Amino acid sequence: MPRRNRVTPYSELVAYPERGSLMGNRGVLHDEHGRIVRFSRGRRWIACLTEFRGRRRAPMTPGRYTELFFLDEATALAAGHRPCHECRRADALRFREAWARATGADPTSSLEALDRSLDEDRLEAPGRMRRWTAGAHELPDGTMVEMGGEAYLIWDGGVRGWRPGGYTLARRPPSGRVRVLTPRVICAAIAAGYEPAVAL
């Protein structure tokens, strides 16, 4: 039976059999029985490679961080995660530079400052993601939005429906405003030049 450690663009933790292309964490979220008991722990929400230097982990080891999985980087960013500075160093540095351009921050800011900025922007209350609205045409490729109660990826002049195993075929974006799932500061970093990997 699949574990409840697959992350949706809504930042929800669900049980799906598909593993995804990235692994990450946001602290210890499970108890000694492997049950998810909290939404997050700490400000460092990261998205990592699924394989790095031959390291192996037993998922949901008591007291160790909870391994989370994402379809792709666009999903991880929508869920509020950033690239890991250890296993994805080049991506992490590009992301920090884009974040600095978007926010006016020092491009050599510490990871702690970056994580504090992301945390202040992504949550409106403990366990509840902050949402905002914008015109679909104003958003950069790689942003996730909600339409009709479902998550969609803005990509190449259209939108694609998010599914655990991939995306639906492209369709035209709506002409009005949409509810944006990707946190505003992360969307700004994408607009400032960070290109997320997308599983198309």
C-alpha atoms as a PDB file:
ATOM      1  CA  MET A   1       0.000   0.000   0.000  1.00  0.00           C
ATOM      2  CA  PRO A   2       1.415   3.435  -0.921  1.00  0.00           C
ATOM      3  CA  ARG A   3       2.600   5.685   1.882  1.00  0.00           C
ATOM      4  CA  ARG A   4       1.056   9.099   2.410  1.00  0.00           C
ATOM      5  CA  ASN A   5       4.162  10.976   1.290  1.00  0.00           C
ATOM      6  CA  ARG A   6       3.358  12.169  -2.238  1.00  0.00           C
ATOM      7  CA  VAL A   7       2.978  15.965  -2.432  1.00  0.00           C
ATOM      8  CA  THR A   8       0.360  17.691  -4.591  1.00  0.00           C
ATOM      9  CA  PRO A   9       0.585  21.262  -5.947  1.00  0.00           C
ATOM     10  CA  TYR A  10      -1.680  22.189  -3.010  1.00  0.00           C
ATOM     11  CA  SER A  11       1.124  21.046  -0.643  1.00  0.00           C
ATOM     12  CA  GLU A  12      -1.120  18.241   0.605  1.00  0.00           C
ATOM     13  CA  LEU A  13       0.364  14.855   1.486  1.00  0.00           C
ATOM     14  CA  VAL A  14      -1.480  11.998  -0.210  1.00  0.00           C
ATOM     15  CA  ALA A  15      -0.967   8.306  -0.965  1.00  0.00           C
ATOM     16  CA  TYR A  16      -0.238   7.563  -4.641  1.00  0.00           C
ATOM     17  CA  PRO A  17       1.725   4.631  -6.057  1.00  0.00           C
ATOM     18  CA  GLU A  18       3.714   6.844  -8.449  1.00  0.00           C
ATOM     19  CA  ARG A  19       7.050   7.876  -6.950  1.00  0.00           C
ATOM     20  CA  GLY A  20       7.783  11.110  -8.813  1.00  0.00           C
ATOM     21  CA  SER A  21      11.017  12.623 -10.154  1.00  0.00           C
ATOM     22  CA  LEU A  22      12.127  14.489  -7.003  1.00  0.00           C
ATOM     23  CA  MET A  23      12.340  13.657  -3.311  1.00  0.00           C
ATOM     24  CA  GLY A  24      12.422  16.176  -0.492  1.00  0.00           C
ATOM     25  CA  ASN A  25      11.369  17.013   3.016  1.00  0.00           C
ATOM     26  CA  ARG A  26       9.979  19.607   5.392  1.00  0.00           C
ATOM     27  CA  GLY A  27      11.083  17.985   8.636  1.00  0.00           C
ATOM     28  CA  VAL A  28       9.808  15.038  10.694  1.00  0.00           C
ATOM     29  CA  LEU A  29       6.106  14.721   9.873  1.00  0.00           C
ATOM     30  CA  HIS A  30       5.458  11.094  10.872  1.00  0.00           C
ATOM     31  CA  ASP A  31       5.179   9.220  14.148  1.00  0.00           C
ATOM     32  CA  GLU A  32       6.817   5.944  15.188  1.00  0.00           C
ATOM     33  CA  HIS A  33       4.175   4.004  13.217  1.00  0.00           C
ATOM     34  CA  GLY A  34       4.808   5.890   9.964  1.00  0.00           C
ATOM     35  CA  ARG A  35       1.585   7.920  10.201  1.00  0.00           C
ATOM     36  CA  ILE A  36       1.637  11.562   9.078  1.00  0.00           C
ATOM     37  CA  VAL A  37       0.864  13.636  12.178  1.00  0.00           C
ATOM     38  CA  ARG A  38       1.876  17.177  11.156  1.00  0.00           C
ATOM     39  CA  PHE A  39       1.946  19.417   8.077  1.00  0.00           C
ATOM     40  CA  SER A  40       5.499  20.715   8.458  1.00  0.00           C
ATOM     41  CA  ARG A  41       8.304  21.202  10.950  1.00  0.00           C
ATOM     42  CA  GLY A  42      10.716  24.065  10.477  1.00  0.00           C
ATOM     43  CA  ARG A  43      11.281  26.525   7.635  1.00  0.00           C
ATOM     44  CA  ARG A  44      13.593  24.449   5.438  1.00  0.00           C
ATOM     45  CA  TRP A  45      11.363  22.874   2.789  1.00  0.00           C
ATOM     46  CA  ILE A  46      13.574  21.341   0.101  1.00  0.00           C
ATOM     47  CA  ALA A  47      13.316  19.302  -3.092  1.00  0.00           C
ATOM     48  CA  CYS A  48      16.138  16.825  -3.714  1.00  0.00           C
ATOM     49  CA  LEU A  49      17.361  14.283  -6.234  1.00  0.00           C
ATOM     50  CA  THR A  50      15.923  10.809  -5.738  1.00  0.00           C
ATOM     51  CA  GLU A  51      19.465   9.387  -5.972  1.00  0.00           C
ATOM     52  CA  PHE A  52      22.615  11.041  -4.631  1.00  0.00           C
ATOM     53  CA  ARG A  53      26.041   9.492  -3.980  1.00  0.00           C
ATOM     54  CA  GLY A  54      24.558   6.040  -3.467  1.00  0.00           C
ATOM     55  CA  ARG A  55      22.808   7.004  -0.247  1.00  0.00           C
ATOM     56  CA  ARG A  56      19.993   4.726   0.910  1.00  0.00           C
ATOM     57  CA  ARG A  57      17.272   5.449   3.453  1.00  0.00           C
ATOM     58  CA  ALA A  58      14.495   3.407   5.015  1.00  0.00           C
ATOM     59  CA  PRO A  59      11.406   5.590   4.432  1.00  0.00           C
ATOM     60  CA  MET A  60       9.763   7.053   7.520  1.00  0.00           C
ATOM     61  CA  THR A  61      12.415   5.905   9.981  1.00  0.00           C
ATOM     62  CA  PRO A  62      11.262   7.051  13.456  1.00  0.00           C
ATOM     63  CA  GLY A  63      12.832  10.374  14.408  1.00  0.00           C
ATOM     64  CA  ARG A  64      14.270  11.032  10.915  1.00  0.00           C
ATOM     65  CA  TYR A  65      12.865  13.432   8.341  1.00  0.00           C
ATOM     66  CA  THR A  66       9.853  12.310   6.324  1.00  0.00           C
ATOM     67  CA  GLU A  67      10.746  11.504   2.708  1.00  0.00           C
ATOM     68  CA  LEU A  68       8.330  13.308   0.376  1.00  0.00           C
ATOM     69  CA  PHE A  69       7.983  12.822  -3.383  1.00  0.00           C
ATOM     70  CA  PHE A  70       6.983  15.226  -6.161  1.00  0.00           C
ATOM     71  CA  LEU A  71       5.917  14.624  -9.752  1.00  0.00           C
ATOM     72  CA  ASP A  72       8.402  17.302 -10.858  1.00  0.00           C
ATOM     73  CA  GLU A  73       9.978  20.588  -9.824  1.00  0.00           C
ATOM     74  CA  ALA A  74       6.966  22.706 -10.817  1.00  0.00           C
ATOM     75  CA  THR A  75       4.941  20.648  -8.320  1.00  0.00           C
ATOM     76  CA  ALA A  76       7.590  21.014  -5.607  1.00  0.00           C
ATOM     77  CA  LEU A  77       7.762  24.795  -6.101  1.00  0.00           C
ATOM     78  CA  ALA A  78       3.960  25.115  -6.012  1.00  0.00           C
ATOM     79  CA  ALA A  79       4.007  23.155  -2.747  1.00  0.00           C
ATOM     80  CA  GLY A  80       6.475  25.709  -1.330  1.00  0.00           C
ATOM     81  CA  HIS A  81       9.764  23.777  -1.613  1.00  0.00           C
ATOM     82  CA  ARG A  82      13.076  25.081  -2.991  1.00  0.00           C
ATOM     83  CA  PRO A  83      16.029  23.204  -4.552  1.00  0.00           C
ATOM     84  CA  CYS A  84      18.304  21.423  -2.082  1.00  0.00           C
ATOM     85  CA  HIS A  85      21.695  23.119  -1.669  1.00  0.00           C
ATOM     86  CA  GLU A  86      23.548  19.820  -1.208  1.00  0.00           C
ATOM     87  CA  CYS A  87      22.386  17.467  -3.969  1.00  0.00           C
ATOM     88  CA  ARG A  88      21.137  20.183  -6.378  1.00  0.00           C
ATOM     89  CA  ARG A  89      23.685  22.903  -5.687  1.00  0.00           C
ATOM     90  CA  ALA A  90      23.641  24.516  -9.147  1.00  0.00           C
ATOM     91  CA  ASP A  91      19.838  24.694  -9.126  1.00  0.00           C
ATOM     92  CA  ALA A  92      19.848  26.054  -5.560  1.00  0.00           C
ATOM     93  CA  LEU A  93      22.283  28.822  -6.496  1.00  0.00           C
ATOM     94  CA  ARG A  94      20.265  29.727  -9.613  1.00  0.00           C
ATOM     95  CA  PHE A  95      17.111  29.805  -7.507  1.00  0.00           C
ATOM     96  CA  ARG A  96      18.706  32.041  -4.853  1.00  0.00           C
ATOM     97  CA  GLU A  97      19.963  34.435  -7.543  1.00  0.00           C
ATOM     98  CA  ALA A  98      16.495  34.637  -9.146  1.00  0.00           C
ATOM     99  CA  TRP A  99      14.889  35.116  -5.718  1.00  0.00           C
ATOM    100  CA  ALA A 100      17.356  37.935  -5.001  1.00  0.00           C
ATOM    101  CA  ARG A 101      16.590  39.632  -8.344  1.00  0.00           C
ATOM    102  CA  ALA A 102      12.856  39.347  -7.663  1.00  0.00           C
ATOM    103  CA  THR A 103      12.957  40.601  -4.074  1.00  0.00           C
ATOM    104  CA  GLY A 104      15.915  42.991  -4.089  1.00  0.00           C
ATOM    105  CA  ALA A 105      17.724  40.790  -1.558  1.00  0.00           C
ATOM    106  CA  ASP A 106      21.485  40.303  -1.469  1.00  0.00           C
ATOM    107  CA  PRO A 107      22.289  37.461  -3.934  1.00  0.00           C
ATOM    108  CA  THR A 108      24.752  36.089  -1.383  1.00  0.00           C
ATOM    109  CA  SER A 109      22.088  35.920   1.342  1.00  0.00           C
ATOM    110  CA  SER A 110      22.267  32.913   3.627  1.00  0.00           C
ATOM    111  CA  LEU A 111      20.016  29.917   3.088  1.00  0.00           C
ATOM    112  CA  GLU A 112      18.450  30.799   6.432  1.00  0.00           C
ATOM    113  CA  ALA A 113      17.425  34.219   5.055  1.00  0.00           C
ATOM    114  CA  LEU A 114      16.048  32.585   1.910  1.00  0.00           C
ATOM    115  CA  ASP A 115      14.084  30.009   3.915  1.00  0.00           C
ATOM    116  CA  ARG A 116      12.713  32.730   6.199  1.00  0.00           C
ATOM    117  CA  SER A 117      11.516  34.697   3.149  1.00  0.00           C
ATOM    118  CA  LEU A 118       9.850  31.639   1.639  1.00  0.00           C
ATOM    119  CA  ASP A 119       8.230  30.660   4.942  1.00  0.00           C
ATOM    120  CA  GLU A 120       6.788  34.134   5.506  1.00  0.00           C
ATOM    121  CA  ASP A 121       5.285  34.088   2.021  1.00  0.00           C
ATOM    122  CA  ARG A 122       3.955  30.544   1.697  1.00  0.00           C
ATOM    123  CA  LEU A 123       1.914  30.146   4.915  1.00  0.00           C
ATOM    124  CA  GLU A 124      -0.991  32.283   6.073  1.00  0.00           C
ATOM    125  CA  ALA A 125      -1.403  30.144   9.210  1.00  0.00           C
ATOM    126  CA  PRO A 126       0.193  26.924  10.507  1.00  0.00           C
ATOM    127  CA  GLY A 127      -0.684  24.162   8.051  1.00  0.00           C
ATOM    128  CA  ARG A 128      -2.487  26.506   5.653  1.00  0.00           C
ATOM    129  CA  MET A 129      -0.892  27.729   2.421  1.00  0.00           C
ATOM    130  CA  ARG A 130      -1.331  31.355   1.352  1.00  0.00           C
ATOM    131  CA  ARG A 131      -3.081  31.794  -2.012  1.00  0.00           C
ATOM    132  CA  TRP A 132      -3.330  34.808  -4.308  1.00  0.00           C
ATOM    133  CA  THR A 133      -4.913  35.716  -7.645  1.00  0.00           C
ATOM    134  CA  ALA A 134      -3.554  36.919 -10.975  1.00  0.00           C
ATOM    135  CA  GLY A 135      -4.416  36.901 -14.653  1.00  0.00           C
ATOM    136  CA  ALA A 136      -3.269  33.623 -16.208  1.00  0.00           C
ATOM    137  CA  HIS A 137      -1.522  35.581 -18.995  1.00  0.00           C
ATOM    138  CA  GLU A 138       0.585  37.413 -16.362  1.00  0.00           C
ATOM    139  CA  LEU A 139       2.117  34.243 -14.927  1.00  0.00           C
ATOM    140  CA  PRO A 140       5.396  32.634 -16.047  1.00  0.00           C
ATOM    141  CA  ASP A 141       5.702  29.075 -17.328  1.00  0.00           C
ATOM    142  CA  GLY A 142       6.084  26.662 -14.431  1.00  0.00           C
ATOM    143  CA  THR A 143       3.453  28.326 -12.231  1.00  0.00           C
ATOM    144  CA  MET A 144       0.605  26.212 -10.849  1.00  0.00           C
ATOM    145  CA  VAL A 145      -2.932  27.582 -10.675  1.00  0.00           C
ATOM    146  CA  GLU A 146      -6.350  26.296  -9.676  1.00  0.00           C
ATOM    147  CA  MET A 147      -9.218  26.090 -12.154  1.00  0.00           C
ATOM    148  CA  GLY A 148     -12.517  24.398 -11.372  1.00  0.00           C
ATOM    149  CA  GLY A 149     -11.112  22.930  -8.184  1.00  0.00           C
ATOM    150  CA  GLU A 150      -8.140  21.263  -9.915  1.00  0.00           C
ATOM    151  CA  ALA A 151      -4.461  22.143 -10.300  1.00  0.00           C
ATOM    152  CA  TYR A 152      -3.101  23.264 -13.677  1.00  0.00           C
ATOM    153  CA  LEU A 153       0.368  24.083 -14.931  1.00  0.00           C
ATOM    154  CA  ILE A 154       0.938  27.275 -16.929  1.00  0.00           C
ATOM    155  CA  TRP A 155       3.114  26.207 -19.842  1.00  0.00           C
ATOM    156  CA  ASP A 156       3.930  27.410 -23.354  1.00  0.00           C
ATOM    157  CA  GLY A 157       0.888  29.644 -23.801  1.00  0.00           C
ATOM    158  CA  GLY A 158      -1.576  27.115 -22.382  1.00  0.00           C
ATOM    159  CA  VAL A 159      -2.495  25.158 -19.284  1.00  0.00           C
ATOM    160  CA  ARG A 160      -2.100  21.444 -18.534  1.00  0.00           C
ATOM    161  CA  GLY A 161      -4.021  19.591 -15.853  1.00  0.00           C
ATOM    162  CA  TRP A 162      -1.871  18.117 -13.055  1.00  0.00           C
ATOM    163  CA  ARG A 163      -2.262  14.404 -12.333  1.00  0.00           C
ATOM    164  CA  PRO A 164      -0.129  12.191 -10.043  1.00  0.00           C
ATOM    165  CA  GLY A 165       1.432  10.460 -13.043  1.00  0.00           C
ATOM    166  CA  GLY A 166       1.789  13.455 -15.372  1.00  0.00           C
ATOM    167  CA  TYR A 167      -0.098  16.217 -17.148  1.00  0.00           C
ATOM    168  CA  THR A 168      -3.125  16.287 -19.410  1.00  0.00           C
ATOM    169  CA  LEU A 169      -2.978  17.715 -22.925  1.00  0.00           C
ATOM    170  CA  ALA A 170      -2.628  21.475 -23.260  1.00  0.00           C
ATOM    171  CA  ARG A 171      -5.646  23.728 -23.514  1.00  0.00           C
ATOM    172  CA  ARG A 172      -6.146  27.477 -23.717  1.00  0.00           C
ATOM    173  CA  PRO A 173      -5.780  29.384 -20.461  1.00  0.00           C
ATOM    174  CA  PRO A 174      -8.767  31.254 -19.032  1.00  0.00           C
ATOM    175  CA  SER A 175      -9.084  34.939 -19.880  1.00  0.00           C
ATOM    176  CA  GLY A 176      -9.867  36.051 -16.313  1.00  0.00           C
ATOM    177  CA  ARG A 177      -8.093  35.854 -12.999  1.00  0.00           C
ATOM    178  CA  VAL A 178      -7.105  32.533 -11.447  1.00  0.00           C
ATOM    179  CA  ARG A 179      -6.204  31.345  -7.964  1.00  0.00           C
ATOM    180  CA  VAL A 180      -2.430  30.837  -7.892  1.00  0.00           C
ATOM    181  CA  LEU A 181      -1.031  27.848  -5.995  1.00  0.00           C
ATOM    182  CA  THR A 182       2.680  28.631  -6.418  1.00  0.00           C
ATOM    183  CA  PRO A 183       3.697  31.000  -3.591  1.00  0.00           C
ATOM    184  CA  ARG A 184       4.058  34.594  -4.795  1.00  0.00           C
ATOM    185  CA  VAL A 185       7.782  34.909  -4.004  1.00  0.00           C
ATOM    186  CA  ILE A 186       8.565  31.605  -5.769  1.00  0.00           C
ATOM    187  CA  CYS A 187       6.501  32.712  -8.773  1.00  0.00           C
ATOM    188  CA  ALA A 188       8.504  35.953  -8.767  1.00  0.00           C
ATOM    189  CA  ALA A 189      11.753  33.942  -8.787  1.00  0.00           C
ATOM    190  CA  ILE A 190      10.477  31.966 -11.793  1.00  0.00           C
ATOM    191  CA  ALA A 191       9.569  35.236 -13.542  1.00  0.00           C
ATOM    192  CA  ALA A 192      13.077  36.525 -12.709  1.00  0.00           C
ATOM    193  CA  GLY A 193      14.700  33.678 -14.622  1.00  0.00           C
ATOM    194  CA  TYR A 194      14.547  30.438 -12.639  1.00  0.00           C
ATOM    195  CA  GLU A 195      13.359  27.653 -14.966  1.00  0.00           C
ATOM    196  CA  PRO A 196      11.747  24.718 -13.159  1.00  0.00           C
ATOM    197  CA  ALA A 197      12.023  21.214 -14.561  1.00  0.00           C
ATOM    198  CA  VAL A 198       8.649  19.920 -15.732  1.00  0.00           C
ATOM    199  CA  ALA A 199       7.702  16.283 -16.388  1.00  0.00           C
ATOM    200  CA  LEU A 200       6.111  16.668 -19.824  1.00  0.00           C
END
